[in-house]
Amino acid sequence: QGDLHIDGHHTVEDTGIAIGQTLRQALGDK
């Protein structure tokens, strides 16, 4: 749920951040 009434920037960038964080957690110590 993003502030799309402004534009898509926060939604796309923050989704990239969240997916990256989740990938990092799932990988553990690799």
Full PDB file with SEQRES, HELIX, SHEET, SSBOND, CRYST1, ORIGX, SCALE, CONECT and MASTER records, all heavy atoms in Angstrom:
SEQRES   1 A   30  GLN GLY ASP LEU HIS ILE ASP GLY HIS HIS THR VAL GLU          
SEQRES   2 A   30  ASP THR GLY ILE ALA ILE GLY GLN THR LEU ARG GLN ALA          
SEQRES   3 A   30  LEU GLY ASP LYS                                              
HELIX    1 AA1 HIS A    9  LEU A   27  1                                  19    
CRYST1    1.000    1.000    1.000  90.00  90.00  90.00 P 1           1          
ORIGX1      1.000000  0.000000  0.000000        0.00000                         
ORIGX2      0.000000  1.000000  0.000000        0.00000                         
ORIGX3      0.000000  0.000000  1.000000        0.00000                         
SCALE1      1.000000  0.000000  0.000000        0.00000                         
SCALE2      0.000000  1.000000  0.000000        0.00000                         
SCALE3      0.000000  0.000000  1.000000        0.00000                         
ATOM      1  N   GLN A   1       0.878  -1.165   0.000  1.00  0.00           N  
ATOM      2  CA  GLN A   1       0.000   0.000   0.000  1.00  0.00           C  
ATOM      3  C   GLN A   1       0.919   1.220   0.000  1.00  0.00           C  
ATOM      4  O   GLN A   1       1.623   1.459   0.980  1.00  0.00           O  
ATOM      5  CB  GLN A   1      -0.912  -0.003   1.224  1.00  0.00           C  
ATOM      6  CG  GLN A   1      -1.952  -1.103   1.179  1.00  0.00           C  
ATOM      7  CD  GLN A   1      -3.013  -0.960   2.245  1.00  0.00           C  
ATOM      8  OE1 GLN A   1      -2.819  -0.271   3.235  1.00  0.00           O  
ATOM      9  NE2 GLN A   1      -4.145  -1.612   2.048  1.00  0.00           N  
ATOM     10  N   GLY A   2       0.924   1.927  -1.128  1.00  0.00           N  
ATOM     11  CA  GLY A   2       1.833   3.053  -1.269  1.00  0.00           C  
ATOM     12  C   GLY A   2       1.107   4.334  -1.614  1.00  0.00           C  
ATOM     13  O   GLY A   2      -0.085   4.330  -1.938  1.00  0.00           O  
ATOM     14  N   ASP A   3       1.839   5.436  -1.552  1.00  0.00           N  
ATOM     15  CA  ASP A   3       1.258   6.756  -1.818  1.00  0.00           C  
ATOM     16  C   ASP A   3       1.227   7.031  -3.329  1.00  0.00           C  
ATOM     17  O   ASP A   3       1.863   7.958  -3.825  1.00  0.00           O  
ATOM     18  CB  ASP A   3       2.027   7.842  -1.055  1.00  0.00           C  
ATOM     19  CG  ASP A   3       3.519   7.833  -1.330  1.00  0.00           C  
ATOM     20  OD1 ASP A   3       3.997   6.966  -2.122  1.00  0.00           O  
ATOM     21  OD2 ASP A   3       4.226   8.686  -0.771  1.00  0.00           O  
ATOM     22  N   LEU A   4       0.453   6.217  -4.031  1.00  0.00           N  
ATOM     23  CA  LEU A   4       0.386   6.332  -5.483  1.00  0.00           C  
ATOM     24  C   LEU A   4      -0.316   7.606  -5.942  1.00  0.00           C  
ATOM     25  O   LEU A   4      -0.236   7.971  -7.117  1.00  0.00           O  
ATOM     26  CB  LEU A   4      -0.315   5.107  -6.082  1.00  0.00           C  
ATOM     27  CG  LEU A   4       0.439   3.779  -5.907  1.00  0.00           C  
ATOM     28  CD1 LEU A   4      -0.372   2.630  -6.491  1.00  0.00           C  
ATOM     29  CD2 LEU A   4       1.819   3.840  -6.546  1.00  0.00           C  
ATOM     30  N   HIS A   5      -0.984   8.290  -5.019  1.00  0.00           N  
ATOM     31  CA  HIS A   5      -1.568   9.589  -5.376  1.00  0.00           C  
ATOM     32  C   HIS A   5      -0.469  10.627  -5.637  1.00  0.00           C  
ATOM     33  O   HIS A   5      -0.729  11.654  -6.269  1.00  0.00           O  
ATOM     34  CB  HIS A   5      -2.504  10.083  -4.267  1.00  0.00           C  
ATOM     35  CG  HIS A   5      -1.820  10.301  -2.953  1.00  0.00           C  
ATOM     36  ND1 HIS A   5      -1.428   9.250  -2.139  1.00  0.00           N  
ATOM     37  CD2 HIS A   5      -1.443  11.439  -2.313  1.00  0.00           C  
ATOM     38  CE1 HIS A   5      -0.842   9.738  -1.059  1.00  0.00           C  
ATOM     39  NE2 HIS A   5      -0.841  11.057  -1.131  1.00  0.00           N  
ATOM     40  N   ILE A   6       0.741  10.340  -5.147  1.00  0.00           N  
ATOM     41  CA  ILE A   6       1.892  11.218  -5.435  1.00  0.00           C  
ATOM     42  C   ILE A   6       2.527  10.761  -6.746  1.00  0.00           C  
ATOM     43  O   ILE A   6       2.530  11.461  -7.739  1.00  0.00           O  
ATOM     44  CB  ILE A   6       2.906  11.203  -4.274  1.00  0.00           C  
ATOM     45  CG1 ILE A   6       2.250  11.791  -3.011  1.00  0.00           C  
ATOM     46  CG2 ILE A   6       4.177  11.969  -4.650  1.00  0.00           C  
ATOM     47  CD1 ILE A   6       3.094  11.710  -1.776  1.00  0.00           C  
ATOM     48  N   ASP A   7       3.100   9.583  -6.729  1.00  0.00           N  
ATOM     49  CA  ASP A   7       3.590   8.891  -7.927  1.00  0.00           C  
ATOM     50  C   ASP A   7       4.044   7.503  -7.501  1.00  0.00           C  
ATOM     51  O   ASP A   7       3.817   7.091  -6.358  1.00  0.00           O  
ATOM     52  CB  ASP A   7       4.697   9.677  -8.651  1.00  0.00           C  
ATOM     53  CG  ASP A   7       6.003   9.784  -7.864  1.00  0.00           C  
ATOM     54  OD1 ASP A   7       6.140   9.136  -6.805  1.00  0.00           O  
ATOM     55  OD2 ASP A   7       6.901  10.519  -8.317  1.00  0.00           O  
ATOM     56  N   GLY A   8       4.680   6.778  -8.395  1.00  0.00           N  
ATOM     57  CA  GLY A   8       5.062   5.404  -8.094  1.00  0.00           C  
ATOM     58  C   GLY A   8       6.427   5.229  -7.464  1.00  0.00           C  
ATOM     59  O   GLY A   8       6.821   4.109  -7.123  1.00  0.00           O  
ATOM     60  N   HIS A   9       7.157   6.328  -7.282  1.00  0.00           N  
ATOM     61  CA  HIS A   9       8.557   6.217  -6.854  1.00  0.00           C  
ATOM     62  C   HIS A   9       8.714   5.503  -5.519  1.00  0.00           C  
ATOM     63  O   HIS A   9       9.499   4.554  -5.398  1.00  0.00           O  
ATOM     64  CB  HIS A   9       9.195   7.609  -6.792  1.00  0.00           C  
ATOM     65  CG  HIS A   9      10.680   7.571  -6.593  1.00  0.00           C  
ATOM     66  ND1 HIS A   9      11.259   7.331  -5.362  1.00  0.00           N  
ATOM     67  CD2 HIS A   9      11.702   7.719  -7.463  1.00  0.00           C  
ATOM     68  CE1 HIS A   9      12.575   7.353  -5.491  1.00  0.00           C  
ATOM     69  NE2 HIS A   9      12.868   7.579  -6.750  1.00  0.00           N  
ATOM     70  N   HIS A  10       7.997   5.956  -4.485  1.00  0.00           N  
ATOM     71  CA  HIS A  10       8.162   5.352  -3.162  1.00  0.00           C  
ATOM     72  C   HIS A  10       7.755   3.880  -3.173  1.00  0.00           C  
ATOM     73  O   HIS A  10       8.412   3.034  -2.551  1.00  0.00           O  
ATOM     74  CB  HIS A  10       7.326   6.108  -2.119  1.00  0.00           C  
ATOM     75  CG  HIS A  10       7.714   7.539  -1.968  1.00  0.00           C  
ATOM     76  ND1 HIS A  10       6.794   8.537  -1.732  1.00  0.00           N  
ATOM     77  CD2 HIS A  10       8.922   8.153  -2.038  1.00  0.00           C  
ATOM     78  CE1 HIS A  10       7.421   9.701  -1.652  1.00  0.00           C  
ATOM     79  NE2 HIS A  10       8.707   9.500  -1.839  1.00  0.00           N  
ATOM     80  N   THR A  11       6.694   3.562  -3.905  1.00  0.00           N  
ATOM     81  CA  THR A  11       6.219   2.179  -3.973  1.00  0.00           C  
ATOM     82  C   THR A  11       7.269   1.270  -4.594  1.00  0.00           C  
ATOM     83  O   THR A  11       7.585   0.205  -4.056  1.00  0.00           O  
ATOM     84  CB  THR A  11       4.900   2.108  -4.777  1.00  0.00           C  
ATOM     85  OG1 THR A  11       3.874   2.762  -4.021  1.00  0.00           O  
ATOM     86  CG2 THR A  11       4.493   0.669  -5.047  1.00  0.00           C  
ATOM     87  N   VAL A  12       7.840   1.675  -5.712  1.00  0.00           N  
ATOM     88  CA  VAL A  12       8.807   0.826  -6.415  1.00  0.00           C  
ATOM     89  C   VAL A  12      10.116   0.722  -5.631  1.00  0.00           C  
ATOM     90  O   VAL A  12      10.641  -0.381  -5.417  1.00  0.00           O  
ATOM     91  CB  VAL A  12       9.068   1.356  -7.841  1.00  0.00           C  
ATOM     92  CG1 VAL A  12      10.202   0.587  -8.503  1.00  0.00           C  
ATOM     93  CG2 VAL A  12       7.794   1.253  -8.682  1.00  0.00           C  
ATOM     94  N   GLU A  13      10.636   1.848  -5.173  1.00  0.00           N  
ATOM     95  CA  GLU A  13      11.905   1.823  -4.448  1.00  0.00           C  
ATOM     96  C   GLU A  13      11.775   1.050  -3.136  1.00  0.00           C  
ATOM     97  O   GLU A  13      12.630   0.197  -2.819  1.00  0.00           O  
ATOM     98  CB  GLU A  13      12.372   3.250  -4.155  1.00  0.00           C  
ATOM     99  CG  GLU A  13      13.715   3.298  -3.443  1.00  0.00           C  
ATOM    100  CD  GLU A  13      14.181   4.725  -3.195  1.00  0.00           C  
ATOM    101  OE1 GLU A  13      13.338   5.607  -2.920  1.00  0.00           O  
ATOM    102  OE2 GLU A  13      15.402   4.953  -3.262  1.00  0.00           O  
ATOM    103  N   ASP A  14      10.732   1.311  -2.376  1.00  0.00           N  
ATOM    104  CA  ASP A  14      10.574   0.640  -1.086  1.00  0.00           C  
ATOM    105  C   ASP A  14      10.302  -0.854  -1.255  1.00  0.00           C  
ATOM    106  O   ASP A  14      10.708  -1.664  -0.422  1.00  0.00           O  
ATOM    107  CB  ASP A  14       9.447   1.292  -0.282  1.00  0.00           C  
ATOM    108  CG  ASP A  14       9.817   2.678   0.232  1.00  0.00           C  
ATOM    109  OD1 ASP A  14      10.910   3.170  -0.121  1.00  0.00           O  
ATOM    110  OD2 ASP A  14       9.016   3.272   0.967  1.00  0.00           O  
ATOM    111  N   THR A  15       9.638  -1.233  -2.336  1.00  0.00           N  
ATOM    112  CA  THR A  15       9.453  -2.652  -2.618  1.00  0.00           C  
ATOM    113  C   THR A  15      10.787  -3.318  -2.912  1.00  0.00           C  
ATOM    114  O   THR A  15      11.052  -4.439  -2.454  1.00  0.00           O  
ATOM    115  CB  THR A  15       8.477  -2.848  -3.796  1.00  0.00           C  
ATOM    116  OG1 THR A  15       7.204  -2.297  -3.448  1.00  0.00           O  
ATOM    117  CG2 THR A  15       8.309  -4.316  -4.129  1.00  0.00           C  
ATOM    118  N   GLY A  16      11.647  -2.638  -3.646  1.00  0.00           N  
ATOM    119  CA  GLY A  16      13.000  -3.160  -3.885  1.00  0.00           C  
ATOM    120  C   GLY A  16      13.760  -3.354  -2.585  1.00  0.00           C  
ATOM    121  O   GLY A  16      14.428  -4.376  -2.382  1.00  0.00           O  
ATOM    122  N   ILE A  17      13.639  -2.381  -1.684  1.00  0.00           N  
ATOM    123  CA  ILE A  17      14.292  -2.487  -0.369  1.00  0.00           C  
ATOM    124  C   ILE A  17      13.755  -3.699   0.388  1.00  0.00           C  
ATOM    125  O   ILE A  17      14.523  -4.501   0.938  1.00  0.00           O  
ATOM    126  CB  ILE A  17      14.079  -1.198   0.448  1.00  0.00           C  
ATOM    127  CG1 ILE A  17      14.843  -0.026  -0.182  1.00  0.00           C  
ATOM    128  CG2 ILE A  17      14.517  -1.399   1.902  1.00  0.00           C  
ATOM    129  CD1 ILE A  17      14.481   1.337   0.409  1.00  0.00           C  
ATOM    130  N   ALA A  18      12.437  -3.844   0.427  1.00  0.00           N  
ATOM    131  CA  ALA A  18      11.820  -4.926   1.201  1.00  0.00           C  
ATOM    132  C   ALA A  18      12.155  -6.300   0.628  1.00  0.00           C  
ATOM    133  O   ALA A  18      12.438  -7.250   1.378  1.00  0.00           O  
ATOM    134  CB  ALA A  18      10.312  -4.734   1.259  1.00  0.00           C  
ATOM    135  N   ILE A  19      12.160  -6.435  -0.700  1.00  0.00           N  
ATOM    136  CA  ILE A  19      12.509  -7.725  -1.304  1.00  0.00           C  
ATOM    137  C   ILE A  19      13.984  -8.044  -1.046  1.00  0.00           C  
ATOM    138  O   ILE A  19      14.339  -9.182  -0.739  1.00  0.00           O  
ATOM    139  CB  ILE A  19      12.193  -7.738  -2.814  1.00  0.00           C  
ATOM    140  CG1 ILE A  19      10.676  -7.643  -3.032  1.00  0.00           C  
ATOM    141  CG2 ILE A  19      12.724  -9.019  -3.467  1.00  0.00           C  
ATOM    142  CD1 ILE A  19      10.272  -7.520  -4.495  1.00  0.00           C  
ATOM    143  N   GLY A  20      14.842  -7.036  -1.141  1.00  0.00           N  
ATOM    144  CA  GLY A  20      16.262  -7.252  -0.843  1.00  0.00           C  
ATOM    145  C   GLY A  20      16.487  -7.697   0.590  1.00  0.00           C  
ATOM    146  O   GLY A  20      17.256  -8.633   0.859  1.00  0.00           O  
ATOM    147  N   GLN A  21      15.808  -7.052   1.541  1.00  0.00           N  
ATOM    148  CA  GLN A  21      15.926  -7.435   2.949  1.00  0.00           C  
ATOM    149  C   GLN A  21      15.461  -8.872   3.173  1.00  0.00           C  
ATOM    150  O   GLN A  21      16.095  -9.641   3.904  1.00  0.00           O  
ATOM    151  CB  GLN A  21      15.075  -6.505   3.820  1.00  0.00           C  
ATOM    152  CG  GLN A  21      15.620  -5.112   3.982  1.00  0.00           C  
ATOM    153  CD  GLN A  21      14.665  -4.197   4.756  1.00  0.00           C  
ATOM    154  OE1 GLN A  21      13.465  -4.465   4.850  1.00  0.00           O  
ATOM    155  NE2 GLN A  21      15.199  -3.114   5.296  1.00  0.00           N  
ATOM    156  N   THR A  22      14.371  -9.241   2.514  1.00  0.00           N  
ATOM    157  CA  THR A  22      13.812 -10.573   2.692  1.00  0.00           C  
ATOM    158  C   THR A  22      14.720 -11.628   2.085  1.00  0.00           C  
ATOM    159  O   THR A  22      14.927 -12.711   2.666  1.00  0.00           O  
ATOM    160  CB  THR A  22      12.400 -10.653   2.071  1.00  0.00           C  
ATOM    161  OG1 THR A  22      11.646  -9.505   2.478  1.00  0.00           O  
ATOM    162  CG2 THR A  22      11.670 -11.895   2.538  1.00  0.00           C  
ATOM    163  N   LEU A  23      15.295 -11.329   0.930  1.00  0.00           N  
ATOM    164  CA  LEU A  23      16.265 -12.242   0.309  1.00  0.00           C  
ATOM    165  C   LEU A  23      17.449 -12.463   1.240  1.00  0.00           C  
ATOM    166  O   LEU A  23      17.897 -13.599   1.449  1.00  0.00           O  
ATOM    167  CB  LEU A  23      16.748 -11.668  -1.024  1.00  0.00           C  
ATOM    168  CG  LEU A  23      17.858 -12.459  -1.713  1.00  0.00           C  
ATOM    169  CD1 LEU A  23      17.320 -13.764  -2.282  1.00  0.00           C  
ATOM    170  CD2 LEU A  23      18.513 -11.623  -2.808  1.00  0.00           C  
ATOM    171  N   ARG A  24      17.947 -11.387   1.808  1.00  0.00           N  
ATOM    172  CA  ARG A  24      19.106 -11.470   2.698  1.00  0.00           C  
ATOM    173  C   ARG A  24      18.804 -12.353   3.906  1.00  0.00           C  
ATOM    174  O   ARG A  24      19.629 -13.188   4.307  1.00  0.00           O  
ATOM    175  CB  ARG A  24      19.490 -10.060   3.144  1.00  0.00           C  
ATOM    176  CG  ARG A  24      20.914  -9.932   3.647  1.00  0.00           C  
ATOM    177  CD  ARG A  24      21.295  -8.482   3.816  1.00  0.00           C  
ATOM    178  NE  ARG A  24      20.691  -7.886   4.981  1.00  0.00           N  
ATOM    179  CZ  ARG A  24      20.035  -6.727   5.008  1.00  0.00           C  
ATOM    180  NH1 ARG A  24      19.870  -6.039   3.902  1.00  0.00           N  
ATOM    181  NH2 ARG A  24      19.533  -6.258   6.127  1.00  0.00           N  
ATOM    182  N   GLN A  25      17.622 -12.201   4.480  1.00  0.00           N  
ATOM    183  CA  GLN A  25      17.240 -13.031   5.627  1.00  0.00           C  
ATOM    184  C   GLN A  25      17.139 -14.499   5.234  1.00  0.00           C  
ATOM    185  O   GLN A  25      17.600 -15.386   5.967  1.00  0.00           O  
ATOM    186  CB  GLN A  25      15.894 -12.562   6.180  1.00  0.00           C  
ATOM    187  CG  GLN A  25      15.935 -11.214   6.874  1.00  0.00           C  
ATOM    188  CD  GLN A  25      14.537 -10.763   7.285  1.00  0.00           C  
ATOM    189  OE1 GLN A  25      13.687 -11.570   7.618  1.00  0.00           O  
ATOM    190  NE2 GLN A  25      14.301  -9.463   7.237  1.00  0.00           N  
ATOM    191  N   ALA A  26      16.524 -14.762   4.081  1.00  0.00           N  
ATOM    192  CA  ALA A  26      16.341 -16.150   3.643  1.00  0.00           C  
ATOM    193  C   ALA A  26      17.670 -16.835   3.351  1.00  0.00           C  
ATOM    194  O   ALA A  26      17.811 -18.051   3.551  1.00  0.00           O  
ATOM    195  CB  ALA A  26      15.443 -16.192   2.411  1.00  0.00           C  
ATOM    196  N   LEU A  27      18.655 -16.073   2.894  1.00  0.00           N  
ATOM    197  CA  LEU A  27      19.970 -16.647   2.576  1.00  0.00           C  
ATOM    198  C   LEU A  27      20.792 -16.967   3.822  1.00  0.00           C  
ATOM    199  O   LEU A  27      21.710 -17.791   3.755  1.00  0.00           O  
ATOM    200  CB  LEU A  27      20.761 -15.682   1.691  1.00  0.00           C  
ATOM    201  CG  LEU A  27      20.377 -15.657   0.219  1.00  0.00           C  
ATOM    202  CD1 LEU A  27      21.019 -14.460  -0.467  1.00  0.00           C  
ATOM    203  CD2 LEU A  27      20.771 -16.949  -0.474  1.00  0.00           C  
ATOM    204  N   GLY A  28      20.491 -16.323   4.943  1.00  0.00           N  
ATOM    205  CA  GLY A  28      21.269 -16.568   6.158  1.00  0.00           C  
ATOM    206  C   GLY A  28      22.734 -16.237   5.942  1.00  0.00           C  
ATOM    207  O   GLY A  28      23.078 -15.185   5.385  1.00  0.00           O  
ATOM    208  N   ASP A  29      23.621 -17.160   6.337  1.00  0.00           N  
ATOM    209  CA  ASP A  29      25.065 -16.893   6.164  1.00  0.00           C  
ATOM    210  C   ASP A  29      25.581 -17.360   4.801  1.00  0.00           C  
ATOM    211  O   ASP A  29      26.771 -17.326   4.542  1.00  0.00           O  
ATOM    212  CB  ASP A  29      25.882 -17.511   7.302  1.00  0.00           C  
ATOM    213  CG  ASP A  29      25.799 -19.038   7.325  1.00  0.00           C  
ATOM    214  OD1 ASP A  29      25.180 -19.631   6.415  1.00  0.00           O  
ATOM    215  OD2 ASP A  29      26.339 -19.645   8.272  1.00  0.00           O  
ATOM    216  N   LYS A  30      24.677 -17.820   3.932  1.00  0.00           N  
ATOM    217  CA  LYS A  30      24.976 -18.187   2.535  1.00  0.00           C  
ATOM    218  C   LYS A  30      25.806 -19.456   2.406  1.00  0.00           C  
ATOM    219  O   LYS A  30      26.465 -19.665   1.384  1.00  0.00           O  
ATOM    220  CB  LYS A  30      25.638 -17.016   1.801  1.00  0.00           C  
ATOM    221  CG  LYS A  30      24.811 -15.744   1.847  1.00  0.00           C  
ATOM    222  CD  LYS A  30      25.568 -14.558   1.284  1.00  0.00           C  
ATOM    223  CE  LYS A  30      24.831 -13.260   1.587  1.00  0.00           C  
ATOM    224  NZ  LYS A  30      25.642 -12.082   1.302  1.00  0.00           N  
TER     225      LYS A  30                                                      
MASTER        0    0    0    1    0    0    0    6  224    1    0    3          
END                                                                             
